N, C-alpha and C. Protein backbone atom coordinates (compact mmCIF):
# COMPACT_ATOMS: atom_id res chain seq x y z
N MET A 1 -25.18 0.25 15.88
CA MET A 1 -23.99 0.90 15.67
C MET A 1 -23.20 -0.53 15.00
N LEU A 2 -23.63 -1.91 15.29
CA LEU A 2 -22.83 -3.33 14.44
C LEU A 2 -23.32 -3.07 12.92
N LEU A 3 -23.97 -2.58 12.62
CA LEU A 3 -24.37 -2.38 11.34
C LEU A 3 -23.25 -1.13 10.59
N THR A 4 -23.02 -0.02 11.33
CA THR A 4 -21.86 1.07 10.83
C THR A 4 -20.68 -0.05 11.17
N ILE A 5 -20.33 -1.42 11.95
CA ILE A 5 -18.90 -1.38 12.05
C ILE A 5 -19.01 -2.71 11.03
N PHE A 6 -19.95 -3.36 10.58
CA PHE A 6 -20.24 -3.88 9.65
C PHE A 6 -19.90 -3.28 8.09
N HIS A 7 -20.35 -1.95 8.16
CA HIS A 7 -20.41 -1.17 6.76
C HIS A 7 -18.63 -0.90 6.56
N GLY A 8 -18.13 -0.97 7.41
CA GLY A 8 -16.57 -0.38 7.33
C GLY A 8 -16.11 -1.47 7.22
N ILE A 9 -16.01 -2.56 7.72
CA ILE A 9 -15.32 -3.69 7.38
C ILE A 9 -15.47 -4.06 5.96
N ALA A 10 -17.00 -4.24 5.41
CA ALA A 10 -16.64 -4.68 4.06
C ALA A 10 -16.25 -3.52 3.08
N LEU A 11 -16.40 -2.09 3.80
CA LEU A 11 -15.97 -1.25 2.42
C LEU A 11 -14.18 -1.45 2.70
N ALA A 12 -13.83 -1.63 3.65
CA ALA A 12 -12.14 -1.51 3.71
C ALA A 12 -11.97 -2.92 3.04
N LEU A 13 -12.58 -4.16 2.97
CA LEU A 13 -12.05 -4.86 2.18
C LEU A 13 -12.35 -4.71 0.99
N GLY A 14 -13.54 -4.53 0.55
CA GLY A 14 -13.38 -4.22 -1.23
C GLY A 14 -12.47 -3.68 -1.40
N LEU A 15 -11.70 -2.14 -0.47
CA LEU A 15 -11.10 -1.59 -1.48
C LEU A 15 -9.46 -2.34 -1.11
N ILE A 16 -9.25 -3.01 -0.67
CA ILE A 16 -7.90 -3.63 -0.08
C ILE A 16 -7.52 -4.68 -0.74
N LEU A 17 -8.57 -5.79 -1.19
CA LEU A 17 -8.41 -6.75 -0.86
C LEU A 17 -8.33 -7.34 -2.73
N PRO A 18 -8.20 -6.21 -3.43
CA PRO A 18 -7.53 -6.32 -5.28
C PRO A 18 -6.64 -6.67 -5.09
N LEU A 19 -5.84 -6.90 -6.19
CA LEU A 19 -3.91 -7.15 -6.18
C LEU A 19 -3.66 -5.44 -7.13
N GLY A 20 -2.65 -5.00 -6.00
CA GLY A 20 -2.27 -3.93 -6.39
C GLY A 20 -0.38 -3.86 -6.09
N ALA A 21 0.20 -2.87 -6.54
CA ALA A 21 1.48 -2.72 -5.72
C ALA A 21 1.58 -2.82 -4.03
N GLN A 22 0.38 -2.31 -3.77
CA GLN A 22 1.05 -2.07 -2.23
C GLN A 22 0.94 -3.57 -1.47
N ASN A 23 -0.18 -4.17 -1.82
CA ASN A 23 -0.09 -5.58 -1.21
C ASN A 23 0.59 -6.15 -2.05
N VAL A 24 1.40 -6.68 -3.50
CA VAL A 24 2.58 -7.22 -3.58
C VAL A 24 3.63 -7.06 -3.09
N PHE A 25 3.67 -5.81 -2.89
CA PHE A 25 5.33 -5.46 -2.15
C PHE A 25 5.10 -5.71 -0.76
N VAL A 26 4.26 -6.10 0.04
CA VAL A 26 3.95 -6.27 1.41
C VAL A 26 4.45 -7.94 1.41
N PHE A 27 3.60 -8.53 0.71
CA PHE A 27 3.88 -10.13 0.45
C PHE A 27 5.46 -10.44 -0.26
N ASN A 28 5.80 -9.47 -0.90
CA ASN A 28 7.11 -9.80 -1.33
C ASN A 28 7.97 -10.07 -0.28
N GLN A 29 7.80 -8.65 0.70
CA GLN A 29 8.85 -8.32 1.71
C GLN A 29 8.58 -9.52 2.82
N GLY A 30 7.43 -10.07 2.80
CA GLY A 30 7.63 -10.64 3.56
C GLY A 30 8.08 -12.04 3.23
N ALA A 31 7.98 -12.59 2.06
CA ALA A 31 8.54 -13.77 1.11
C ALA A 31 10.29 -13.42 1.68
N ALA A 32 11.13 -12.39 0.96
CA ALA A 32 12.05 -11.97 0.91
C ALA A 32 13.12 -12.03 2.22
N GLN A 33 12.28 -11.29 3.28
CA GLN A 33 13.07 -11.48 4.53
C GLN A 33 13.24 -12.85 5.27
N PRO A 34 14.67 -12.48 6.00
CA PRO A 34 15.12 -14.19 6.63
C PRO A 34 14.01 -14.04 8.02
N THR A 35 13.00 -13.18 8.57
CA THR A 35 12.58 -13.57 9.99
C THR A 35 10.90 -12.86 9.73
N PHE A 36 10.51 -13.08 10.65
CA PHE A 36 9.25 -12.07 10.52
C PHE A 36 9.07 -10.68 10.65
N ARG A 37 10.14 -10.38 12.18
CA ARG A 37 10.68 -9.45 12.71
C ARG A 37 10.94 -9.02 12.01
N ARG A 38 11.99 -8.88 10.85
CA ARG A 38 12.78 -7.75 9.67
C ARG A 38 11.30 -7.50 8.73
N VAL A 39 10.32 -7.92 8.53
CA VAL A 39 9.48 -7.32 7.70
C VAL A 39 8.69 -6.23 8.73
N LEU A 40 8.30 -6.08 9.44
CA LEU A 40 7.58 -5.35 10.41
C LEU A 40 7.75 -3.89 9.61
N PRO A 41 8.76 -3.05 9.29
CA PRO A 41 9.20 -1.69 9.09
C PRO A 41 8.14 -1.81 7.92
N VAL A 42 8.19 -2.78 6.96
CA VAL A 42 7.18 -2.13 5.60
C VAL A 42 5.82 -2.61 6.65
N VAL A 43 5.40 -3.71 6.87
CA VAL A 43 4.07 -4.20 7.55
C VAL A 43 3.40 -2.33 8.34
N LEU A 44 3.85 -2.15 9.23
CA LEU A 44 3.75 -1.02 9.93
C LEU A 44 3.56 0.62 9.49
N THR A 45 4.60 0.29 8.11
CA THR A 45 4.29 1.68 7.27
C THR A 45 3.46 1.62 6.63
N ALA A 46 3.10 0.53 5.43
CA ALA A 46 1.75 0.93 4.96
C ALA A 46 0.40 0.58 6.14
N SER A 47 0.70 -0.10 7.06
CA SER A 47 -0.77 0.29 8.08
C SER A 47 -0.95 1.48 8.31
N LEU A 48 0.30 2.01 8.86
CA LEU A 48 0.10 3.90 9.13
C LEU A 48 -0.07 4.82 8.10
N CYS A 49 0.49 4.20 7.11
CA CYS A 49 -0.11 4.74 5.84
C CYS A 49 -1.24 5.01 5.59
N ASP A 50 -2.18 4.06 5.61
CA ASP A 50 -3.38 3.64 5.07
C ASP A 50 -4.21 4.24 6.38
N SER A 51 -3.52 4.48 7.71
CA SER A 51 -4.65 4.63 8.95
C SER A 51 -4.73 6.94 8.51
N PHE A 52 -3.65 7.10 7.87
CA PHE A 52 -3.22 8.24 7.92
C PHE A 52 -4.64 8.70 6.96
N LEU A 53 -4.70 8.02 5.34
CA LEU A 53 -5.09 8.43 4.54
C LEU A 53 -6.78 8.20 4.89
N ILE A 54 -7.21 7.37 5.78
CA ILE A 54 -8.49 7.18 6.21
C ILE A 54 -8.69 8.10 6.86
N LEU A 55 -7.92 8.77 7.95
CA LEU A 55 -8.09 9.82 8.63
C LEU A 55 -8.20 10.78 7.86
N PHE A 56 -7.42 11.45 6.97
CA PHE A 56 -7.63 12.47 6.45
C PHE A 56 -8.93 12.55 5.53
N ALA A 57 -9.30 11.25 4.97
CA ALA A 57 -10.20 11.44 4.36
C ALA A 57 -11.53 11.29 4.84
N VAL A 58 -11.96 10.84 6.09
CA VAL A 58 -12.96 11.17 6.92
C VAL A 58 -13.06 12.73 7.33
N LEU A 59 -11.90 12.84 7.54
CA LEU A 59 -12.26 14.41 8.28
C LEU A 59 -11.91 15.49 7.42
N GLY A 60 -11.54 15.03 5.84
CA GLY A 60 -12.02 15.96 4.67
C GLY A 60 -10.78 16.59 4.75
N VAL A 61 -9.29 16.38 4.85
CA VAL A 61 -8.23 17.39 4.92
C VAL A 61 -7.38 16.84 3.37
N SER A 62 -7.89 15.52 3.06
CA SER A 62 -7.05 15.02 1.67
C SER A 62 -7.52 16.12 0.46
N VAL A 63 -8.86 16.24 0.64
CA VAL A 63 -9.66 16.49 -0.28
C VAL A 63 -9.51 18.50 -0.71
N VAL A 64 -9.13 18.86 0.63
CA VAL A 64 -8.47 20.18 0.85
C VAL A 64 -7.06 20.28 -0.26
N VAL A 65 -6.24 19.30 0.24
CA VAL A 65 -4.44 19.14 -0.27
C VAL A 65 -5.16 18.95 -1.64
N LEU A 66 -5.71 18.28 -2.03
CA LEU A 66 -6.05 17.87 -4.09
C LEU A 66 -6.72 18.87 -4.83
N THR A 67 -7.45 19.74 -3.56
CA THR A 67 -8.00 21.04 -4.61
C THR A 67 -6.69 21.76 -5.11
N LEU A 68 -5.82 22.11 -4.38
CA LEU A 68 -4.92 23.29 -4.92
C LEU A 68 -3.75 22.51 -6.00
N PRO A 69 -3.87 23.16 -7.15
CA PRO A 69 -3.52 22.45 -8.16
C PRO A 69 -1.76 22.35 -8.34
N ILE A 70 -1.51 23.30 -7.61
CA ILE A 70 0.30 23.91 -7.17
C ILE A 70 0.89 22.04 -6.66
N LEU A 71 0.01 21.81 -5.40
CA LEU A 71 0.58 20.81 -4.65
C LEU A 71 -0.11 19.60 -5.61
N GLN A 72 -1.22 19.72 -6.39
CA GLN A 72 -1.18 18.29 -7.11
C GLN A 72 -0.62 18.16 -7.53
N THR A 73 -0.06 18.74 -8.25
CA THR A 73 1.19 18.78 -9.65
C THR A 73 2.12 18.38 -8.88
N ALA A 74 2.87 19.17 -7.71
CA ALA A 74 3.68 18.62 -6.92
C ALA A 74 3.78 17.13 -6.59
N PHE A 75 2.81 16.74 -6.39
CA PHE A 75 2.50 15.25 -5.45
C PHE A 75 2.95 14.33 -6.51
N PHE A 76 1.76 14.74 -7.77
CA PHE A 76 2.18 13.59 -9.37
C PHE A 76 3.67 13.52 -9.53
N VAL A 77 4.15 14.45 -9.53
CA VAL A 77 5.65 14.65 -10.32
C VAL A 77 6.35 13.80 -9.43
N VAL A 78 6.67 13.66 -8.40
CA VAL A 78 7.42 12.90 -7.24
C VAL A 78 7.13 11.45 -7.32
N GLY A 79 5.73 11.70 -7.06
CA GLY A 79 5.10 9.90 -7.22
C GLY A 79 5.51 9.38 -8.54
N PHE A 80 5.65 9.84 -9.45
CA PHE A 80 5.56 9.37 -11.12
C PHE A 80 7.34 8.94 -11.02
N LEU A 81 8.12 10.14 -10.68
CA LEU A 81 9.43 9.35 -10.54
C LEU A 81 9.63 8.59 -9.86
N PHE A 82 9.49 8.68 -8.63
CA PHE A 82 10.07 7.77 -7.75
C PHE A 82 9.53 6.35 -7.65
N LEU A 83 8.20 6.44 -8.43
CA LEU A 83 7.61 4.90 -8.78
C LEU A 83 8.46 4.02 -9.89
N LEU A 84 8.83 5.48 -10.80
CA LEU A 84 9.99 4.48 -12.26
C LEU A 84 11.05 3.86 -11.24
N TYR A 85 11.84 4.64 -10.45
CA TYR A 85 12.76 4.39 -9.63
C TYR A 85 12.39 2.63 -9.01
N MET A 86 11.26 2.85 -8.32
CA MET A 86 11.02 1.45 -7.41
C MET A 86 10.66 0.70 -8.47
N GLY A 87 10.22 0.74 -9.25
CA GLY A 87 10.13 -0.11 -10.04
C GLY A 87 11.39 -0.94 -10.51
N TRP A 88 11.96 -0.55 -11.21
CA TRP A 88 13.24 -0.65 -11.40
C TRP A 88 14.28 -1.48 -10.61
N VAL A 89 14.53 -1.15 -9.36
CA VAL A 89 15.18 -1.97 -8.26
C VAL A 89 14.54 -2.53 -8.15
N ILE A 90 12.94 -3.32 -7.90
CA ILE A 90 12.29 -4.81 -7.96
C ILE A 90 12.43 -5.12 -9.16
N TRP A 91 12.26 -4.89 -10.15
CA TRP A 91 12.60 -5.39 -11.36
C TRP A 91 14.27 -5.98 -11.24
N LYS A 92 15.03 -5.44 -10.93
CA LYS A 92 16.53 -5.96 -11.46
C LYS A 92 16.70 -6.55 -10.06
N SER A 93 15.78 -6.59 -9.40
CA SER A 93 16.70 -7.92 -8.24
C SER A 93 16.60 -9.23 -8.56
N LYS A 94 17.27 -10.23 -8.07
CA LYS A 94 17.60 -11.41 -8.61
C LYS A 94 17.60 -12.50 -7.86
N PRO A 95 16.56 -12.78 -6.77
CA PRO A 95 16.66 -13.30 -5.68
C PRO A 95 16.71 -15.27 -6.38
N THR A 96 16.82 -15.27 -7.65
CA THR A 96 17.15 -17.09 -7.51
C THR A 96 18.96 -16.74 -7.06
N LYS A 97 19.38 -16.17 -7.32
CA LYS A 97 21.07 -15.84 -7.51
C LYS A 97 21.58 -15.62 -6.22
N MET A 98 20.69 -15.05 -5.34
CA MET A 98 21.11 -14.41 -3.52
C MET A 98 20.72 -15.35 -2.65
N ASN A 99 20.87 -14.96 -1.56
CA ASN A 99 20.76 -16.16 -0.63
C ASN A 99 19.36 -14.73 0.01
N LYS A 100 19.12 -15.14 1.17
CA LYS A 100 17.70 -14.73 1.77
C LYS A 100 18.48 -13.01 2.57
N GLU A 101 19.56 -12.95 3.28
CA GLU A 101 19.96 -12.10 3.64
C GLU A 101 19.97 -11.03 2.30
N ASP A 102 20.88 -11.30 1.24
CA ASP A 102 21.25 -10.26 0.29
C ASP A 102 19.62 -9.68 -0.37
N ARG A 103 18.86 -10.57 -0.85
CA ARG A 103 17.72 -10.16 -1.34
C ARG A 103 16.80 -9.20 -0.47
N ALA A 104 16.49 -9.23 0.41
CA ALA A 104 15.71 -8.55 1.31
C ALA A 104 16.16 -7.17 1.92
N LEU A 105 15.26 -6.16 1.44
CA LEU A 105 15.34 -4.63 1.24
C LEU A 105 15.83 -4.25 2.83
N SER A 106 16.78 -3.47 3.05
CA SER A 106 17.13 -3.06 4.52
C SER A 106 15.24 -2.38 4.98
N PRO A 107 15.70 -1.89 6.17
CA PRO A 107 14.36 -1.47 6.92
C PRO A 107 14.16 -0.23 6.28
N LYS A 108 15.33 0.58 5.96
CA LYS A 108 15.33 2.39 5.55
C LYS A 108 14.86 2.25 4.10
N LYS A 109 14.75 1.39 3.23
CA LYS A 109 14.12 1.09 1.69
C LYS A 109 12.68 0.57 1.95
N GLN A 110 12.57 -0.72 2.50
CA GLN A 110 11.24 -0.83 3.17
C GLN A 110 10.47 0.64 3.62
N ILE A 111 10.60 0.81 4.37
CA ILE A 111 9.46 2.35 4.82
C ILE A 111 9.65 2.68 3.44
N MET A 112 10.73 3.20 2.58
CA MET A 112 10.65 4.48 1.79
C MET A 112 9.51 4.35 0.38
N PHE A 113 10.36 2.71 0.27
CA PHE A 113 8.80 1.90 -0.84
C PHE A 113 7.87 1.41 -0.27
N ALA A 114 7.23 1.34 0.76
CA ALA A 114 6.26 1.03 1.65
C ALA A 114 5.66 2.89 1.27
N MET A 115 6.07 3.23 1.60
CA MET A 115 5.37 5.03 1.81
C MET A 115 4.95 5.38 0.03
N SER A 116 6.17 5.21 -0.48
CA SER A 116 5.72 5.54 -2.02
C SER A 116 4.06 5.24 -2.49
N VAL A 117 4.08 3.77 -2.67
CA VAL A 117 3.13 2.84 -3.07
C VAL A 117 2.18 3.15 -2.35
N SER A 118 1.71 3.68 -0.79
CA SER A 118 0.69 3.99 0.01
C SER A 118 0.47 5.37 -0.62
N LEU A 119 1.65 6.27 -0.45
CA LEU A 119 0.65 7.96 -0.22
C LEU A 119 1.12 8.66 -1.93
N LEU A 120 1.67 7.64 -2.39
CA LEU A 120 2.28 8.31 -3.65
C LEU A 120 1.34 7.98 -5.02
N ASN A 121 0.36 6.90 -4.34
CA ASN A 121 -0.37 6.44 -5.04
C ASN A 121 -1.95 7.58 -5.94
N PRO A 122 -1.88 8.04 -6.55
CA PRO A 122 -3.58 8.93 -6.75
C PRO A 122 -4.47 7.98 -6.39
N HIS A 123 -4.40 6.93 -7.34
CA HIS A 123 -5.25 5.76 -7.66
C HIS A 123 -6.00 5.54 -5.91
N ALA A 124 -5.22 5.32 -5.59
CA ALA A 124 -5.50 4.50 -4.07
C ALA A 124 -6.06 5.95 -2.97
N ILE A 125 -5.25 6.89 -3.42
CA ILE A 125 -5.54 8.50 -2.73
C ILE A 125 -7.11 8.69 -3.05
N LEU A 126 -7.45 8.70 -4.18
CA LEU A 126 -8.83 9.29 -4.93
C LEU A 126 -9.89 8.16 -4.41
N ASP A 127 -9.53 6.84 -4.25
CA ASP A 127 -10.35 5.24 -3.80
C ASP A 127 -10.47 6.00 -2.39
N THR A 128 -9.83 6.47 -1.20
CA THR A 128 -9.78 6.36 -0.12
C THR A 128 -11.12 7.67 -0.22
N ILE A 129 -10.72 8.68 -0.79
CA ILE A 129 -11.29 9.90 -1.10
C ILE A 129 -13.25 9.85 -1.25
N GLY A 130 -12.88 9.13 -2.19
CA GLY A 130 -14.40 9.66 -2.93
C GLY A 130 -14.96 7.96 -2.25
N VAL A 131 -14.57 7.07 -1.50
CA VAL A 131 -15.12 5.80 -1.17
C VAL A 131 -15.54 5.82 0.17
N ILE A 132 -14.19 5.83 0.99
CA ILE A 132 -14.21 5.99 2.54
C ILE A 132 -14.73 6.98 2.91
N GLY A 133 -14.35 8.36 2.50
CA GLY A 133 -14.72 9.71 3.02
C GLY A 133 -15.91 9.84 2.69
N THR A 134 -16.36 9.66 1.26
CA THR A 134 -17.85 9.99 1.03
C THR A 134 -18.71 9.32 1.68
N ASN A 135 -18.65 7.81 1.79
CA ASN A 135 -19.83 6.83 3.15
C ASN A 135 -19.31 7.35 4.50
N SER A 136 -18.36 8.00 4.80
CA SER A 136 -18.32 8.19 6.29
C SER A 136 -19.25 9.62 6.52
N LEU A 137 -19.69 10.40 5.14
CA LEU A 137 -20.50 11.56 5.44
C LEU A 137 -21.75 11.27 6.33
N SER A 138 -22.26 10.06 6.26
CA SER A 138 -23.46 9.26 6.56
C SER A 138 -23.62 9.40 8.10
N TYR A 139 -22.60 9.19 8.40
CA TYR A 139 -22.47 9.30 10.15
C TYR A 139 -21.50 10.17 11.39
N ILE A 140 -22.26 10.68 12.02
CA ILE A 140 -21.75 11.66 13.06
C ILE A 140 -21.47 10.91 14.40
N GLY A 141 -20.62 11.43 15.37
CA GLY A 141 -20.19 11.00 16.59
C GLY A 141 -19.76 9.89 16.83
N LEU A 142 -20.45 9.06 17.48
CA LEU A 142 -19.49 7.73 17.99
C LEU A 142 -19.76 6.62 16.64
N GLU A 143 -20.83 7.11 16.26
CA GLU A 143 -21.06 5.88 14.23
C GLU A 143 -19.66 6.23 13.53
N LYS A 144 -19.65 7.41 13.41
CA LYS A 144 -18.70 7.93 12.89
C LYS A 144 -16.86 7.27 13.00
N VAL A 145 -17.16 7.47 14.54
CA VAL A 145 -15.36 6.94 15.12
C VAL A 145 -15.44 5.53 14.80
N ALA A 146 -16.82 4.75 15.03
CA ALA A 146 -16.81 3.17 14.70
C ALA A 146 -16.65 2.55 13.33
N PHE A 147 -17.07 3.36 13.02
CA PHE A 147 -16.99 3.17 10.78
C PHE A 147 -15.50 3.55 10.84
N THR A 148 -14.61 4.77 11.14
CA THR A 148 -13.67 4.83 10.85
C THR A 148 -12.52 3.68 11.36
N LEU A 149 -12.64 3.54 12.54
CA LEU A 149 -11.92 2.25 13.52
C LEU A 149 -11.64 0.97 12.86
N SER A 150 -12.94 0.80 12.22
CA SER A 150 -13.29 -0.87 12.01
C SER A 150 -12.82 -0.56 10.20
N THR A 151 -12.52 0.30 9.51
CA THR A 151 -11.87 0.58 8.19
C THR A 151 -10.02 0.33 8.85
N ILE A 152 -9.83 1.11 9.58
CA ILE A 152 -8.25 0.85 9.72
C ILE A 152 -7.99 -0.57 10.32
N ILE A 153 -8.64 -0.86 11.62
CA ILE A 153 -7.90 -2.51 11.72
C ILE A 153 -8.57 -3.33 10.76
N VAL A 154 -9.02 -3.60 9.77
CA VAL A 154 -9.04 -4.03 8.68
C VAL A 154 -7.97 -4.05 7.85
N SER A 155 -7.38 -3.00 7.90
CA SER A 155 -6.38 -2.34 6.92
C SER A 155 -5.01 -2.93 7.49
N TRP A 156 -4.94 -2.85 8.91
CA TRP A 156 -3.92 -3.34 9.65
C TRP A 156 -4.02 -5.25 9.70
N LEU A 157 -4.98 -5.54 9.83
CA LEU A 157 -5.04 -6.58 9.79
C LEU A 157 -4.84 -7.57 8.53
N TRP A 158 -4.55 -6.76 7.44
CA TRP A 158 -4.88 -7.22 6.06
C TRP A 158 -3.34 -7.23 5.75
N PHE A 159 -2.43 -6.44 6.14
CA PHE A 159 -1.23 -6.33 6.07
C PHE A 159 -0.22 -7.42 7.14
N PHE A 160 -0.56 -7.20 7.72
CA PHE A 160 0.09 -8.36 8.82
C PHE A 160 -0.09 -9.54 8.09
N GLY A 161 -1.30 -10.15 7.84
CA GLY A 161 -1.71 -11.51 7.41
C GLY A 161 -0.93 -11.72 5.56
N LEU A 162 -0.89 -10.55 5.09
CA LEU A 162 -0.15 -10.95 3.39
C LEU A 162 1.50 -11.07 3.76
N ALA A 163 1.97 -10.34 4.81
CA ALA A 163 3.06 -10.44 5.21
C ALA A 163 3.56 -12.06 5.66
N VAL A 164 2.73 -12.51 6.74
CA VAL A 164 2.55 -13.74 7.25
C VAL A 164 2.42 -14.84 6.68
N ALA A 165 1.80 -14.69 5.05
CA ALA A 165 1.71 -15.60 4.48
C ALA A 165 2.94 -15.33 3.00
N GLY A 166 3.71 -14.39 2.85
CA GLY A 166 4.34 -14.15 2.01
C GLY A 166 5.58 -14.80 2.76
N LYS A 167 5.80 -14.84 3.96
CA LYS A 167 6.91 -15.49 4.98
C LYS A 167 6.52 -16.91 4.58
N ARG A 168 5.20 -17.76 4.80
CA ARG A 168 5.35 -18.81 4.84
C ARG A 168 5.76 -19.55 3.50
N LEU A 169 5.47 -18.73 1.93
CA LEU A 169 5.76 -18.85 1.00
C LEU A 169 7.37 -18.97 0.66
N GLY A 170 7.83 -17.94 1.31
CA GLY A 170 9.37 -17.92 1.48
C GLY A 170 10.14 -18.85 1.72
N ASP A 171 9.83 -19.61 3.41
CA ASP A 171 10.25 -20.75 3.69
C ASP A 171 10.07 -22.12 2.69
N ILE A 172 9.16 -22.11 2.11
CA ILE A 172 9.23 -22.85 1.11
C ILE A 172 9.66 -23.06 -0.11
N ASP A 173 9.78 -21.93 -1.13
CA ASP A 173 10.60 -21.27 -1.88
C ASP A 173 12.01 -20.76 -1.85
N SER A 174 12.58 -21.35 -1.56
CA SER A 174 13.65 -21.60 -1.19
C SER A 174 15.00 -21.13 -2.36
N GLU A 175 14.89 -21.85 -3.40
CA GLU A 175 15.43 -20.91 -4.57
C GLU A 175 15.01 -19.61 -4.95
N GLY A 176 13.99 -19.36 -4.71
CA GLY A 176 13.75 -17.89 -4.69
C GLY A 176 13.03 -18.16 -6.53
N LYS A 177 12.52 -19.05 -6.99
CA LYS A 177 11.89 -19.20 -8.25
C LYS A 177 10.24 -18.14 -7.94
N PHE A 178 9.73 -18.43 -7.39
CA PHE A 178 8.49 -17.73 -7.45
C PHE A 178 8.48 -16.13 -6.86
N ILE A 179 9.38 -15.98 -6.10
CA ILE A 179 9.61 -14.96 -5.61
C ILE A 179 10.18 -13.85 -6.84
N ASN A 180 11.22 -14.39 -7.68
CA ASN A 180 11.16 -13.63 -8.69
C ASN A 180 10.49 -13.44 -9.26
N THR A 181 9.19 -14.55 -9.52
CA THR A 181 8.05 -14.05 -10.83
C THR A 181 7.07 -13.09 -9.89
N ILE A 182 7.25 -12.70 -8.59
CA ILE A 182 6.26 -12.21 -7.60
C ILE A 182 6.94 -10.37 -7.60
N ASN A 183 8.57 -10.62 -7.69
CA ASN A 183 9.09 -9.02 -8.21
C ASN A 183 8.80 -8.15 -9.57
N LYS A 184 8.71 -9.66 -10.64
CA LYS A 184 8.34 -8.85 -11.78
C LYS A 184 7.26 -8.21 -11.91
N ILE A 185 5.87 -9.11 -11.03
CA ILE A 185 4.61 -8.66 -11.18
C ILE A 185 4.75 -7.35 -10.50
N SER A 186 5.33 -7.04 -9.38
CA SER A 186 5.29 -6.14 -8.32
C SER A 186 5.99 -4.91 -9.24
N ALA A 187 6.75 -4.83 -10.27
CA ALA A 187 7.34 -3.84 -10.53
C ALA A 187 6.49 -3.54 -11.87
N ILE A 188 5.97 -4.33 -12.52
CA ILE A 188 5.22 -3.95 -13.70
C ILE A 188 3.80 -3.01 -13.14
N LEU A 189 3.35 -3.66 -11.90
CA LEU A 189 1.85 -2.87 -11.14
C LEU A 189 2.66 -1.79 -10.61
N ILE A 190 3.33 -1.41 -10.07
CA ILE A 190 4.24 -0.14 -9.59
C ILE A 190 4.33 0.82 -11.12
N TRP A 191 4.74 -0.07 -12.04
CA TRP A 191 5.07 1.12 -13.79
C TRP A 191 3.78 1.56 -13.72
N GLY A 192 3.08 0.65 -13.49
CA GLY A 192 1.53 0.88 -14.17
C GLY A 192 0.78 2.21 -13.46
N VAL A 193 0.91 1.96 -12.28
CA VAL A 193 0.50 3.26 -11.17
C VAL A 193 1.25 4.38 -11.89
N ALA A 194 2.61 4.56 -11.62
CA ALA A 194 3.63 5.58 -12.38
C ALA A 194 2.75 5.82 -13.77
N LEU A 195 2.65 5.51 -14.51
CA LEU A 195 1.96 5.57 -16.01
C LEU A 195 0.68 6.60 -15.64
N TYR A 196 -0.41 5.99 -14.93
CA TYR A 196 -1.51 6.38 -14.45
C TYR A 196 -1.09 8.01 -14.08
N ILE A 197 -0.33 8.18 -13.42
CA ILE A 197 0.27 9.51 -12.73
C ILE A 197 0.56 10.23 -14.08
N ALA A 198 1.27 9.59 -15.04
CA ALA A 198 1.48 9.89 -16.04
C ALA A 198 0.15 10.68 -17.11
N TYR A 199 -0.34 10.07 -17.30
CA TYR A 199 -1.84 10.16 -17.98
C TYR A 199 -2.36 11.42 -17.06
N LEU A 200 -2.75 11.55 -15.58
CA LEU A 200 -3.18 12.23 -14.90
C LEU A 200 -2.43 13.77 -15.03
N LEU A 201 -1.23 13.77 -15.15
CA LEU A 201 -0.49 15.14 -15.21
C LEU A 201 -0.53 15.47 -16.79
N LEU A 202 -0.67 14.85 -17.69
CA LEU A 202 -0.81 15.00 -19.50
C LEU A 202 -2.40 15.49 -19.55
N LYS A 203 -3.65 15.10 -18.76
CA LYS A 203 -5.11 15.61 -18.78
C LYS A 203 -4.97 17.14 -19.11
């Protein structure tokens, strides 16, 4: 059982550690929000979305959905358009000219954007299905439960840690110069995901 848990932890870390739109967005909001409590909407949304994706992958639900051509196309089109919009909003934000209250996204926008980079990212979904879903096939019963829970717990701890790290940086970077750079990187990564979706649509 212990090896199963370590397997889940290592796998989750391998998937979640690389720099991506989701990680940068959570970190960005940690830095932009005036208090840690204000960043909880994005942390909880990203964590819950990852939990659902992992559960769907382990249960095989996501595989069924993505094998339906109409649903897959609709999913990609919505994802492409929303990510283009999201990238534009983040790119145009000017933290160096605003106070912290002004540059922080509202809870509603945090939730919407966190859901978009989590659920409308085909690359992340295919990784979840292909890696976590496939690896879970080697376990049954309590071992499968332990494997699934370990990957989910890593995801939650990671997003909370990112938000805390972002908050620390935000407290130091009072003028918002570094946050402005993070915004640009975040927008570029999000547009990169949108271009990847466009590529999948045109294939």
